[in-house]
Amino acid sequence: MRIGELAERTGVPAATIKYYLREHLLQAGAHGEGNTVEYGPEHVHRLTLIRALSETAGLSVAQIGEVLTVLARHPESAFQALGATLAATHRDPTFSLASEGTTEAAERTVDQLLNEYGWAEVAPPMYRDALVTALTAFYRLGNPDPQEVLGHYADAAAALASADMEAIAEATKIEGVDVEQAVTATVLGETVFAALRRIAHIAASARTQASQGPSGTI
């Protein structure tokens, strides 16, 4: 198919397809008769993948390029690809108003949590630093100590990670390794989990409000 048909089939404008080609996110088509370029099902699939990572997962063009590079480098190892993808798509939070005291308090809280869950030795520094930055902002705003809530967050994260790994292992056992599916499920899963958490918040808030009655008292 020509680029016009590719655009029509995928819903991606031809100008955007050309941009993806220039950025090497989309592989080049095959040269046909004259100066024509032909595209196939693999280009449709790649465009679907790019748009999912961009529009649903919210990744930048540079991050999408990193994910595609990871998939090319680790075609047989889902677990290696997952680790590399998570590192490539990590976004560092920033907070410039931190005092030394709040930063130290955040570091103590984070290190205590990581030690408690046995993650201190395996947690990459960038993820620890991201937690410290987020908690520094939390403390700087005068919020109550979040240690109990953090425990619930960690429990949920541990359960979700275990479920992800079990699903990948089971799928690999039955169907063989599909690194792309493992990687995209993890990346898109973060968006799914964030949406589910917000829905759960709304439901919990509604239950609390209903139990308190119109006057706001139980």
N, C-alpha and C. Protein backbone atom coordinates (compact mmCIF):
# COMPACT_ATOMS: atom_id res chain seq x y z
N MET A 1 0.85 -1.20 0.00
CA MET A 1 0.00 0.00 0.00
C MET A 1 0.88 1.24 0.00
N ARG A 2 0.36 2.33 -0.55
CA ARG A 2 1.07 3.61 -0.55
C ARG A 2 0.82 4.33 0.77
N ILE A 3 1.51 5.43 0.97
CA ILE A 3 1.42 6.13 2.25
C ILE A 3 0.01 6.67 2.51
N GLY A 4 -0.71 7.02 1.44
CA GLY A 4 -2.07 7.50 1.61
C GLY A 4 -2.98 6.43 2.18
N GLU A 5 -2.86 5.21 1.66
CA GLU A 5 -3.66 4.10 2.16
C GLU A 5 -3.25 3.73 3.58
N LEU A 6 -1.94 3.80 3.85
CA LEU A 6 -1.45 3.53 5.20
C LEU A 6 -2.05 4.53 6.18
N ALA A 7 -2.10 5.78 5.78
CA ALA A 7 -2.68 6.81 6.63
C ALA A 7 -4.17 6.55 6.86
N GLU A 8 -4.87 6.17 5.81
CA GLU A 8 -6.31 5.91 5.92
C GLU A 8 -6.57 4.70 6.81
N ARG A 9 -5.77 3.66 6.67
CA ARG A 9 -5.99 2.44 7.43
C ARG A 9 -5.69 2.62 8.91
N THR A 10 -4.69 3.42 9.23
CA THR A 10 -4.27 3.58 10.62
C THR A 10 -4.87 4.80 11.31
N GLY A 11 -5.38 5.74 10.52
CA GLY A 11 -5.88 6.97 11.12
C GLY A 11 -4.78 7.95 11.47
N VAL A 12 -3.57 7.66 11.03
CA VAL A 12 -2.42 8.54 11.28
C VAL A 12 -2.19 9.40 10.04
N PRO A 13 -2.20 10.72 10.16
CA PRO A 13 -2.00 11.58 8.98
C PRO A 13 -0.68 11.28 8.27
N ALA A 14 -0.68 11.45 6.96
CA ALA A 14 0.52 11.18 6.18
C ALA A 14 1.70 12.01 6.65
N ALA A 15 1.44 13.26 7.04
CA ALA A 15 2.53 14.12 7.53
C ALA A 15 3.15 13.55 8.80
N THR A 16 2.31 12.98 9.66
CA THR A 16 2.82 12.38 10.90
C THR A 16 3.61 11.12 10.59
N ILE A 17 3.13 10.34 9.63
CA ILE A 17 3.87 9.14 9.23
C ILE A 17 5.26 9.53 8.72
N LYS A 18 5.32 10.57 7.93
CA LYS A 18 6.62 11.03 7.42
C LYS A 18 7.52 11.49 8.56
N TYR A 19 6.93 12.10 9.57
CA TYR A 19 7.71 12.53 10.74
C TYR A 19 8.27 11.31 11.47
N TYR A 20 7.44 10.29 11.65
CA TYR A 20 7.91 9.07 12.31
C TYR A 20 9.02 8.40 11.50
N LEU A 21 8.92 8.48 10.18
CA LEU A 21 9.99 7.94 9.33
C LEU A 21 11.29 8.71 9.53
N ARG A 22 11.19 10.04 9.60
CA ARG A 22 12.40 10.86 9.80
C ARG A 22 13.03 10.59 11.16
N GLU A 23 12.19 10.32 12.16
CA GLU A 23 12.70 10.07 13.51
C GLU A 23 13.10 8.61 13.71
N HIS A 24 12.96 7.81 12.66
CA HIS A 24 13.32 6.39 12.69
C HIS A 24 12.48 5.58 13.68
N LEU A 25 11.28 6.05 13.96
CA LEU A 25 10.35 5.25 14.76
C LEU A 25 9.65 4.23 13.88
N LEU A 26 9.43 4.59 12.64
CA LEU A 26 8.79 3.71 11.66
C LEU A 26 9.82 3.28 10.63
N GLN A 27 9.87 1.98 10.39
CA GLN A 27 10.83 1.47 9.42
C GLN A 27 10.45 1.91 8.01
N ALA A 28 11.45 2.07 7.17
CA ALA A 28 11.21 2.52 5.79
C ALA A 28 10.43 1.47 5.01
N GLY A 29 9.67 1.94 4.03
CA GLY A 29 8.94 1.02 3.17
C GLY A 29 9.84 0.47 2.07
N ALA A 30 9.27 -0.43 1.29
CA ALA A 30 10.02 -1.04 0.18
C ALA A 30 9.81 -0.21 -1.09
N HIS A 31 10.86 -0.03 -1.83
CA HIS A 31 10.76 0.74 -3.07
C HIS A 31 10.07 -0.10 -4.15
N GLY A 32 9.05 0.49 -4.76
CA GLY A 32 8.32 -0.19 -5.83
C GLY A 32 8.71 0.36 -7.18
N GLU A 33 7.77 0.29 -8.10
CA GLU A 33 8.05 0.77 -9.45
C GLU A 33 8.23 2.28 -9.45
N GLY A 34 9.16 2.73 -10.23
CA GLY A 34 9.43 4.17 -10.29
C GLY A 34 9.94 4.69 -8.96
N ASN A 35 9.33 5.75 -8.49
CA ASN A 35 9.74 6.34 -7.21
C ASN A 35 8.76 6.03 -6.09
N THR A 36 7.91 5.02 -6.29
CA THR A 36 6.90 4.71 -5.28
C THR A 36 7.51 3.93 -4.12
N VAL A 37 6.88 4.06 -2.96
CA VAL A 37 7.28 3.32 -1.76
C VAL A 37 6.07 2.56 -1.26
N GLU A 38 6.25 1.28 -1.00
CA GLU A 38 5.15 0.42 -0.57
C GLU A 38 5.30 0.08 0.92
N TYR A 39 4.15 0.05 1.60
CA TYR A 39 4.11 -0.29 3.03
C TYR A 39 3.23 -1.51 3.23
N GLY A 40 3.52 -2.27 4.29
CA GLY A 40 2.79 -3.51 4.53
C GLY A 40 2.20 -3.59 5.92
N PRO A 41 1.72 -4.78 6.31
CA PRO A 41 1.10 -4.98 7.62
C PRO A 41 2.02 -4.63 8.78
N GLU A 42 3.32 -4.84 8.59
CA GLU A 42 4.27 -4.52 9.67
C GLU A 42 4.29 -3.02 9.96
N HIS A 43 4.04 -2.21 8.95
CA HIS A 43 4.00 -0.76 9.17
C HIS A 43 2.70 -0.36 9.88
N VAL A 44 1.62 -1.04 9.54
CA VAL A 44 0.35 -0.80 10.25
C VAL A 44 0.52 -1.12 11.73
N HIS A 45 1.15 -2.26 12.00
CA HIS A 45 1.35 -2.67 13.40
C HIS A 45 2.26 -1.68 14.14
N ARG A 46 3.34 -1.27 13.49
CA ARG A 46 4.28 -0.36 14.15
C ARG A 46 3.60 0.98 14.44
N LEU A 47 2.80 1.48 13.53
CA LEU A 47 2.09 2.74 13.77
C LEU A 47 1.10 2.60 14.91
N THR A 48 0.43 1.46 14.99
CA THR A 48 -0.50 1.22 16.10
C THR A 48 0.25 1.22 17.42
N LEU A 49 1.42 0.60 17.43
CA LEU A 49 2.25 0.57 18.64
C LEU A 49 2.71 1.97 19.02
N ILE A 50 3.19 2.73 18.06
CA ILE A 50 3.68 4.09 18.33
C ILE A 50 2.57 4.95 18.91
N ARG A 51 1.39 4.89 18.31
CA ARG A 51 0.28 5.71 18.79
C ARG A 51 -0.18 5.29 20.18
N ALA A 52 -0.15 4.00 20.46
CA ALA A 52 -0.52 3.53 21.80
C ALA A 52 0.46 4.07 22.84
N LEU A 53 1.74 4.01 22.54
CA LEU A 53 2.75 4.51 23.47
C LEU A 53 2.66 6.02 23.62
N SER A 54 2.31 6.70 22.54
CA SER A 54 2.23 8.16 22.58
C SER A 54 0.94 8.65 23.23
N GLU A 55 -0.19 8.19 22.73
CA GLU A 55 -1.48 8.74 23.15
C GLU A 55 -1.99 8.13 24.44
N THR A 56 -1.78 6.83 24.63
CA THR A 56 -2.32 6.16 25.82
C THR A 56 -1.33 6.20 26.98
N ALA A 57 -0.07 5.86 26.70
CA ALA A 57 0.93 5.84 27.76
C ALA A 57 1.55 7.21 28.00
N GLY A 58 1.38 8.15 27.06
CA GLY A 58 1.89 9.50 27.24
C GLY A 58 3.39 9.64 27.09
N LEU A 59 4.02 8.73 26.33
CA LEU A 59 5.47 8.80 26.16
C LEU A 59 5.83 9.83 25.09
N SER A 60 7.00 10.43 25.26
CA SER A 60 7.51 11.37 24.26
C SER A 60 8.08 10.59 23.08
N VAL A 61 8.37 11.31 22.01
CA VAL A 61 8.97 10.68 20.84
C VAL A 61 10.31 10.04 21.21
N ALA A 62 11.09 10.73 22.03
CA ALA A 62 12.39 10.18 22.45
C ALA A 62 12.20 8.90 23.26
N GLN A 63 11.22 8.89 24.16
CA GLN A 63 10.98 7.70 24.97
C GLN A 63 10.47 6.54 24.12
N ILE A 64 9.61 6.85 23.15
CA ILE A 64 9.14 5.79 22.24
C ILE A 64 10.31 5.20 21.48
N GLY A 65 11.23 6.06 21.04
CA GLY A 65 12.42 5.58 20.37
C GLY A 65 13.23 4.64 21.25
N GLU A 66 13.33 4.97 22.54
CA GLU A 66 14.05 4.12 23.49
C GLU A 66 13.36 2.76 23.63
N VAL A 67 12.03 2.78 23.73
CA VAL A 67 11.28 1.52 23.85
C VAL A 67 11.50 0.65 22.62
N LEU A 68 11.42 1.23 21.45
CA LEU A 68 11.62 0.47 20.21
C LEU A 68 13.04 -0.08 20.12
N THR A 69 14.01 0.69 20.61
CA THR A 69 15.39 0.21 20.65
C THR A 69 15.52 -0.97 21.59
N VAL A 70 14.86 -0.89 22.74
CA VAL A 70 14.88 -2.00 23.70
C VAL A 70 14.30 -3.26 23.06
N LEU A 71 13.19 -3.12 22.37
CA LEU A 71 12.56 -4.28 21.73
C LEU A 71 13.50 -4.92 20.70
N ALA A 72 14.25 -4.09 19.99
CA ALA A 72 15.19 -4.61 18.99
C ALA A 72 16.38 -5.30 19.64
N ARG A 73 16.80 -4.79 20.80
CA ARG A 73 18.00 -5.33 21.47
C ARG A 73 17.71 -6.60 22.26
N HIS A 74 16.48 -6.76 22.72
CA HIS A 74 16.15 -7.90 23.58
C HIS A 74 14.98 -8.69 22.99
N PRO A 75 15.15 -9.25 21.80
CA PRO A 75 14.03 -9.93 21.16
C PRO A 75 13.61 -11.23 21.83
N GLU A 76 14.47 -11.80 22.68
CA GLU A 76 14.18 -13.09 23.28
C GLU A 76 14.02 -13.05 24.79
N SER A 77 14.27 -11.92 25.42
CA SER A 77 14.23 -11.84 26.88
C SER A 77 13.24 -10.79 27.33
N ALA A 78 12.05 -11.25 27.73
CA ALA A 78 11.01 -10.32 28.18
C ALA A 78 11.43 -9.59 29.44
N PHE A 79 12.10 -10.28 30.35
CA PHE A 79 12.43 -9.68 31.63
C PHE A 79 13.54 -8.63 31.48
N GLN A 80 14.53 -8.90 30.64
CA GLN A 80 15.56 -7.89 30.37
C GLN A 80 14.94 -6.68 29.67
N ALA A 81 14.06 -6.94 28.75
CA ALA A 81 13.41 -5.85 28.02
C ALA A 81 12.56 -5.00 28.95
N LEU A 82 11.89 -5.63 29.91
CA LEU A 82 11.07 -4.89 30.86
C LEU A 82 11.91 -3.93 31.68
N GLY A 83 13.03 -4.44 32.20
CA GLY A 83 13.90 -3.58 33.01
C GLY A 83 14.42 -2.40 32.22
N ALA A 84 14.85 -2.66 31.00
CA ALA A 84 15.38 -1.59 30.15
C ALA A 84 14.29 -0.59 29.77
N THR A 85 13.08 -1.08 29.54
CA THR A 85 11.97 -0.20 29.18
C THR A 85 11.58 0.71 30.33
N LEU A 86 11.50 0.15 31.53
CA LEU A 86 11.14 0.95 32.69
C LEU A 86 12.16 2.06 32.92
N ALA A 87 13.44 1.74 32.72
CA ALA A 87 14.48 2.76 32.87
C ALA A 87 14.35 3.83 31.79
N ALA A 88 14.04 3.41 30.56
CA ALA A 88 13.97 4.35 29.45
C ALA A 88 12.78 5.29 29.55
N THR A 89 11.70 4.82 30.16
CA THR A 89 10.47 5.63 30.21
C THR A 89 10.30 6.36 31.53
N HIS A 90 11.30 6.27 32.41
CA HIS A 90 11.20 6.94 33.71
C HIS A 90 11.30 8.45 33.52
N ARG A 91 10.45 9.18 34.24
CA ARG A 91 10.48 10.64 34.21
C ARG A 91 10.77 11.15 35.62
N ASP A 92 11.86 11.89 35.77
CA ASP A 92 12.25 12.38 37.09
C ASP A 92 11.35 13.53 37.52
N PRO A 93 10.73 13.42 38.70
CA PRO A 93 10.00 14.57 39.23
C PRO A 93 10.99 15.61 39.75
N THR A 94 10.59 16.86 39.77
CA THR A 94 11.46 17.92 40.28
C THR A 94 10.72 18.73 41.33
N PHE A 95 11.49 19.21 42.31
CA PHE A 95 10.92 20.07 43.34
C PHE A 95 12.05 20.95 43.86
N SER A 96 11.95 22.25 43.62
CA SER A 96 13.08 23.14 43.88
C SER A 96 12.98 23.90 45.20
N LEU A 97 11.88 23.70 45.95
CA LEU A 97 11.69 24.49 47.17
C LEU A 97 12.01 23.70 48.43
N ALA A 98 12.77 22.64 48.30
CA ALA A 98 13.01 21.76 49.44
C ALA A 98 14.06 22.34 50.37
N SER A 99 13.80 22.20 51.67
CA SER A 99 14.81 22.53 52.66
C SER A 99 15.57 21.26 53.01
N GLU A 100 16.72 21.43 53.64
CA GLU A 100 17.53 20.27 53.99
C GLU A 100 16.77 19.34 54.93
N GLY A 101 16.01 19.92 55.85
CA GLY A 101 15.28 19.11 56.82
C GLY A 101 14.22 18.24 56.18
N THR A 102 13.45 18.81 55.26
CA THR A 102 12.40 18.02 54.62
C THR A 102 12.99 16.94 53.72
N THR A 103 14.10 17.24 53.06
CA THR A 103 14.74 16.24 52.22
C THR A 103 15.26 15.08 53.06
N GLU A 104 15.88 15.38 54.20
CA GLU A 104 16.38 14.33 55.08
C GLU A 104 15.24 13.47 55.62
N ALA A 105 14.13 14.10 55.97
CA ALA A 105 12.98 13.34 56.46
C ALA A 105 12.45 12.42 55.37
N ALA A 106 12.39 12.93 54.15
CA ALA A 106 11.92 12.12 53.03
C ALA A 106 12.86 10.95 52.77
N GLU A 107 14.16 11.19 52.84
CA GLU A 107 15.13 10.12 52.63
C GLU A 107 15.00 9.04 53.69
N ARG A 108 14.80 9.44 54.94
CA ARG A 108 14.63 8.44 56.01
C ARG A 108 13.39 7.59 55.77
N THR A 109 12.31 8.24 55.39
CA THR A 109 11.06 7.51 55.15
C THR A 109 11.21 6.53 53.99
N VAL A 110 11.81 6.99 52.91
CA VAL A 110 11.99 6.13 51.73
C VAL A 110 12.91 4.96 52.05
N ASP A 111 14.03 5.23 52.69
CA ASP A 111 14.98 4.15 52.99
C ASP A 111 14.37 3.13 53.95
N GLN A 112 13.58 3.61 54.90
CA GLN A 112 12.91 2.69 55.82
C GLN A 112 11.94 1.78 55.06
N LEU A 113 11.20 2.38 54.14
CA LEU A 113 10.24 1.60 53.35
C LEU A 113 10.95 0.57 52.49
N LEU A 114 12.00 0.98 51.79
CA LEU A 114 12.73 0.07 50.91
C LEU A 114 13.35 -1.07 51.69
N ASN A 115 13.88 -0.77 52.87
CA ASN A 115 14.45 -1.82 53.71
C ASN A 115 13.37 -2.78 54.21
N GLU A 116 12.24 -2.23 54.60
CA GLU A 116 11.16 -3.06 55.13
C GLU A 116 10.66 -4.07 54.10
N TYR A 117 10.63 -3.66 52.84
CA TYR A 117 10.12 -4.55 51.79
C TYR A 117 11.23 -5.33 51.08
N GLY A 118 12.46 -5.18 51.53
CA GLY A 118 13.56 -5.91 50.92
C GLY A 118 13.95 -5.40 49.55
N TRP A 119 13.67 -4.13 49.31
CA TRP A 119 13.93 -3.55 47.99
C TRP A 119 15.17 -2.66 47.97
N ALA A 120 15.79 -2.44 49.10
CA ALA A 120 16.89 -1.47 49.17
C ALA A 120 18.06 -1.85 48.26
N GLU A 121 18.33 -3.14 48.14
CA GLU A 121 19.49 -3.57 47.36
C GLU A 121 19.21 -3.61 45.86
N VAL A 122 17.94 -3.64 45.49
CA VAL A 122 17.61 -3.79 44.07
C VAL A 122 17.01 -2.53 43.45
N ALA A 123 16.57 -1.59 44.28
CA ALA A 123 15.92 -0.39 43.74
C ALA A 123 16.94 0.50 43.04
N PRO A 124 16.77 0.78 41.75
CA PRO A 124 17.69 1.69 41.05
C PRO A 124 17.66 3.07 41.71
N PRO A 125 18.81 3.75 41.78
CA PRO A 125 18.86 5.08 42.42
C PRO A 125 17.84 6.06 41.87
N MET A 126 17.55 6.00 40.57
CA MET A 126 16.62 6.98 40.00
C MET A 126 15.22 6.83 40.57
N TYR A 127 14.82 5.59 40.91
CA TYR A 127 13.49 5.40 41.48
C TYR A 127 13.47 5.82 42.95
N ARG A 128 14.55 5.52 43.66
CA ARG A 128 14.63 6.00 45.05
C ARG A 128 14.59 7.52 45.08
N ASP A 129 15.35 8.15 44.19
CA ASP A 129 15.38 9.61 44.14
C ASP A 129 14.01 10.19 43.79
N ALA A 130 13.28 9.51 42.92
CA ALA A 130 11.95 9.98 42.56
C ALA A 130 11.02 9.94 43.77
N LEU A 131 11.12 8.88 44.56
CA LEU A 131 10.32 8.78 45.78
C LEU A 131 10.70 9.88 46.76
N VAL A 132 12.00 10.10 46.91
CA VAL A 132 12.47 11.15 47.83
C VAL A 132 11.95 12.51 47.39
N THR A 133 12.01 12.80 46.11
CA THR A 133 11.54 14.09 45.60
C THR A 133 10.05 14.27 45.88
N ALA A 134 9.26 13.23 45.60
CA ALA A 134 7.82 13.32 45.83
C ALA A 134 7.50 13.52 47.31
N LEU A 135 8.18 12.78 48.18
CA LEU A 135 7.91 12.90 49.61
C LEU A 135 8.44 14.22 50.17
N THR A 136 9.50 14.74 49.59
CA THR A 136 10.00 16.05 50.00
C THR A 136 8.93 17.11 49.77
N ALA A 137 8.30 17.07 48.61
CA ALA A 137 7.20 18.00 48.33
C ALA A 137 6.05 17.78 49.31
N PHE A 138 5.79 16.52 49.62
CA PHE A 138 4.71 16.17 50.55
C PHE A 138 4.97 16.80 51.92
N TYR A 139 6.19 16.63 52.43
CA TYR A 139 6.54 17.20 53.74
C TYR A 139 6.58 18.72 53.68
N ARG A 140 7.09 19.26 52.58
CA ARG A 140 7.23 20.71 52.45
C ARG A 140 5.86 21.40 52.52
N LEU A 141 4.83 20.70 52.07
CA LEU A 141 3.47 21.24 52.10
C LEU A 141 2.80 21.10 53.46
N GLY A 142 3.52 20.48 54.40
CA GLY A 142 2.98 20.34 55.75
C GLY A 142 1.99 19.21 55.92
N ASN A 143 2.02 18.24 55.02
CA ASN A 143 1.10 17.10 55.12
C ASN A 143 1.52 16.16 56.23
N PRO A 144 0.58 15.37 56.78
CA PRO A 144 0.91 14.42 57.84
C PRO A 144 1.88 13.35 57.35
N ASP A 145 2.52 12.69 58.28
CA ASP A 145 3.47 11.63 57.93
C ASP A 145 2.76 10.54 57.13
N PRO A 146 3.28 10.20 55.95
CA PRO A 146 2.56 9.26 55.07
C PRO A 146 2.99 7.81 55.22
N GLN A 147 3.73 7.45 56.26
CA GLN A 147 4.31 6.12 56.32
C GLN A 147 3.27 5.01 56.23
N GLU A 148 2.15 5.15 56.93
CA GLU A 148 1.14 4.10 56.89
C GLU A 148 0.55 3.95 55.49
N VAL A 149 0.25 5.09 54.86
CA VAL A 149 -0.29 5.05 53.50
C VAL A 149 0.74 4.48 52.53
N LEU A 150 2.01 4.83 52.73
CA LEU A 150 3.07 4.31 51.87
C LEU A 150 3.12 2.79 51.92
N GLY A 151 2.86 2.23 53.09
CA GLY A 151 2.83 0.78 53.22
C GLY A 151 1.76 0.17 52.34
N HIS A 152 0.60 0.81 52.28
CA HIS A 152 -0.47 0.31 51.41
C HIS A 152 -0.07 0.44 49.94
N TYR A 153 0.59 1.55 49.60
CA TYR A 153 1.08 1.72 48.23
C TYR A 153 2.07 0.60 47.87
N ALA A 154 2.98 0.33 48.79
CA ALA A 154 3.99 -0.69 48.53
C ALA A 154 3.35 -2.07 48.41
N ASP A 155 2.37 -2.36 49.26
CA ASP A 155 1.67 -3.65 49.18
C ASP A 155 1.00 -3.81 47.81
N ALA A 156 0.32 -2.75 47.37
CA ALA A 156 -0.36 -2.80 46.07
C ALA A 156 0.65 -2.96 44.94
N ALA A 157 1.77 -2.24 45.03
CA ALA A 157 2.79 -2.33 43.99
C ALA A 157 3.40 -3.72 43.93
N ALA A 158 3.67 -4.31 45.10
CA ALA A 158 4.25 -5.65 45.15
C ALA A 158 3.29 -6.68 44.56
N ALA A 159 2.01 -6.56 44.92
CA ALA A 159 1.02 -7.51 44.40
C ALA A 159 0.88 -7.38 42.89
N LEU A 160 0.87 -6.14 42.40
CA LEU A 160 0.72 -5.91 40.97
C LEU A 160 1.94 -6.42 40.20
N ALA A 161 3.14 -6.16 40.74
CA ALA A 161 4.36 -6.63 40.07
C ALA A 161 4.39 -8.16 40.01
N SER A 162 3.98 -8.81 41.09
CA SER A 162 3.94 -10.28 41.10
C SER A 162 2.96 -10.81 40.06
N ALA A 163 1.80 -10.16 39.98
CA ALA A 163 0.80 -10.58 38.99
C ALA A 163 1.33 -10.39 37.57
N ASP A 164 2.03 -9.29 37.32
CA ASP A 164 2.61 -9.04 36.00
C ASP A 164 3.62 -10.12 35.64
N MET A 165 4.52 -10.43 36.57
CA MET A 165 5.56 -11.41 36.30
C MET A 165 4.97 -12.80 36.08
N GLU A 166 3.96 -13.15 36.87
CA GLU A 166 3.31 -14.46 36.71
C GLU A 166 2.62 -14.55 35.35
N ALA A 167 1.97 -13.47 34.94
CA ALA A 167 1.28 -13.47 33.65
C ALA A 167 2.28 -13.62 32.50
N ILE A 168 3.42 -12.93 32.60
CA ILE A 168 4.44 -13.02 31.56
C ILE A 168 5.02 -14.43 31.52
N ALA A 169 5.32 -14.99 32.69
CA ALA A 169 5.89 -16.34 32.75
C ALA A 169 4.92 -17.37 32.19
N GLU A 170 3.64 -17.23 32.52
CA GLU A 170 2.64 -18.18 32.03
C GLU A 170 2.46 -18.06 30.53
N ALA A 171 2.40 -16.83 30.02
CA ALA A 171 2.24 -16.62 28.58
C ALA A 171 3.45 -17.16 27.83
N THR A 172 4.63 -16.97 28.40
CA THR A 172 5.86 -17.46 27.77
C THR A 172 5.85 -18.98 27.70
N LYS A 173 5.37 -19.60 28.77
CA LYS A 173 5.34 -21.06 28.84
C LYS A 173 4.40 -21.64 27.78
N ILE A 174 3.28 -20.95 27.56
CA ILE A 174 2.26 -21.48 26.65
C ILE A 174 2.53 -21.09 25.20
N GLU A 175 2.85 -19.82 24.97
CA GLU A 175 2.92 -19.30 23.61
C GLU A 175 4.33 -18.94 23.15
N GLY A 176 5.32 -19.05 24.03
CA GLY A 176 6.65 -18.59 23.69
C GLY A 176 6.80 -17.12 24.02
N VAL A 177 8.02 -16.63 23.91
CA VAL A 177 8.31 -15.27 24.30
C VAL A 177 7.74 -14.27 23.30
N ASP A 178 6.96 -13.31 23.80
CA ASP A 178 6.52 -12.18 22.98
C ASP A 178 6.92 -10.93 23.75
N VAL A 179 8.13 -10.47 23.47
CA VAL A 179 8.70 -9.36 24.23
C VAL A 179 7.87 -8.10 24.07
N GLU A 180 7.40 -7.85 22.86
CA GLU A 180 6.62 -6.64 22.64
C GLU A 180 5.36 -6.62 23.50
N GLN A 181 4.67 -7.74 23.57
CA GLN A 181 3.46 -7.79 24.38
C GLN A 181 3.77 -7.57 25.85
N ALA A 182 4.86 -8.16 26.33
CA ALA A 182 5.24 -7.99 27.74
C ALA A 182 5.56 -6.53 28.05
N VAL A 183 6.30 -5.91 27.16
CA VAL A 183 6.71 -4.52 27.38
C VAL A 183 5.52 -3.57 27.29
N THR A 184 4.71 -3.72 26.26
CA THR A 184 3.58 -2.81 26.10
C THR A 184 2.54 -3.00 27.19
N ALA A 185 2.36 -4.24 27.65
CA ALA A 185 1.41 -4.48 28.74
C ALA A 185 1.86 -3.77 30.00
N THR A 186 3.16 -3.76 30.26
CA THR A 186 3.68 -3.09 31.45
C THR A 186 3.56 -1.58 31.33
N VAL A 187 3.94 -1.04 30.19
CA VAL A 187 3.88 0.42 30.00
C VAL A 187 2.43 0.91 30.03
N LEU A 188 1.56 0.25 29.28
CA LEU A 188 0.16 0.66 29.26
C LEU A 188 -0.53 0.34 30.58
N GLY A 189 0.00 -0.69 31.28
CA GLY A 189 -0.58 -1.05 32.58
C GLY A 189 -0.49 0.06 33.60
N GLU A 190 0.54 0.91 33.49
CA GLU A 190 0.65 2.04 34.42
C GLU A 190 -0.51 3.01 34.22
N THR A 191 -0.91 3.22 32.98
CA THR A 191 -2.06 4.08 32.70
C THR A 191 -3.34 3.44 33.20
N VAL A 192 -3.46 2.13 33.00
CA VAL A 192 -4.64 1.40 33.48
C VAL A 192 -4.75 1.49 34.99
N PHE A 193 -3.62 1.27 35.68
CA PHE A 193 -3.64 1.29 37.14
C PHE A 193 -3.99 2.68 37.67
N ALA A 194 -3.45 3.72 37.03
CA ALA A 194 -3.76 5.08 37.47
C ALA A 194 -5.25 5.37 37.33
N ALA A 195 -5.85 4.92 36.21
CA ALA A 195 -7.28 5.14 36.01
C ALA A 195 -8.10 4.35 37.03
N LEU A 196 -7.71 3.10 37.29
CA LEU A 196 -8.43 2.28 38.27
C LEU A 196 -8.32 2.88 39.67
N ARG A 197 -7.15 3.42 40.00
CA ARG A 197 -6.98 4.04 41.32
C ARG A 197 -7.92 5.23 41.48
N ARG A 198 -8.07 6.02 40.45
CA ARG A 198 -8.97 7.18 40.53
C ARG A 198 -10.43 6.74 40.64
N ILE A 199 -10.78 5.70 39.90
CA ILE A 199 -12.15 5.17 40.02
C ILE A 199 -12.39 4.66 41.44
N ALA A 200 -11.39 3.95 41.98
CA ALA A 200 -11.52 3.43 43.34
C ALA A 200 -11.65 4.57 44.35
N HIS A 201 -10.92 5.65 44.13
CA HIS A 201 -11.02 6.82 45.01
C HIS A 201 -12.44 7.39 44.99
N ILE A 202 -12.99 7.53 43.79
CA ILE A 202 -14.34 8.08 43.67
C ILE A 202 -15.35 7.18 44.36
N ALA A 203 -15.21 5.86 44.16
CA ALA A 203 -16.12 4.91 44.80
C ALA A 203 -16.00 4.96 46.32
N ALA A 204 -14.76 5.01 46.82
CA ALA A 204 -14.55 5.07 48.27
C ALA A 204 -15.10 6.36 48.85
N SER A 205 -14.91 7.46 48.13
CA SER A 205 -15.43 8.74 48.59
C SER A 205 -16.96 8.72 48.65
N ALA A 206 -17.59 8.11 47.63
CA ALA A 206 -19.05 8.02 47.61
C ALA A 206 -19.56 7.17 48.77
N ARG A 207 -18.87 6.06 49.06
CA ARG A 207 -19.30 5.21 50.18
C ARG A 207 -19.18 5.95 51.50
N THR A 208 -18.07 6.68 51.66
CA THR A 208 -17.87 7.43 52.90
C THR A 208 -18.93 8.50 53.07
N GLN A 209 -19.22 9.20 52.00
CA GLN A 209 -20.22 10.26 52.06
C GLN A 209 -21.60 9.68 52.38
N ALA A 210 -21.92 8.52 51.78
CA ALA A 210 -23.22 7.90 52.02
C ALA A 210 -23.35 7.43 53.47
N SER A 211 -22.24 6.91 54.03
CA SER A 211 -22.29 6.42 55.41
C SER A 211 -22.42 7.54 56.42
N GLN A 212 -21.97 8.74 56.06
CA GLN A 212 -22.04 9.88 56.96
C GLN A 212 -23.41 10.55 56.94
N GLY A 213 -24.15 10.34 55.87
CA GLY A 213 -25.46 10.96 55.79
C GLY A 213 -25.39 12.41 55.36
N PRO A 214 -26.54 13.04 55.18
CA PRO A 214 -26.58 14.42 54.68
C PRO A 214 -25.89 15.43 55.58
N SER A 215 -25.85 15.16 56.88
CA SER A 215 -25.25 16.12 57.81
C SER A 215 -23.75 15.99 57.88
N GLY A 216 -23.21 14.92 57.26
CA GLY A 216 -21.76 14.71 57.30
C GLY A 216 -21.29 13.99 58.53
N THR A 217 -22.21 13.44 59.33
CA THR A 217 -21.84 12.69 60.52
C THR A 217 -22.34 11.27 60.40
N ILE A 218 -21.62 10.35 61.01
CA ILE A 218 -22.00 8.93 60.94
C ILE A 218 -23.14 8.66 61.92
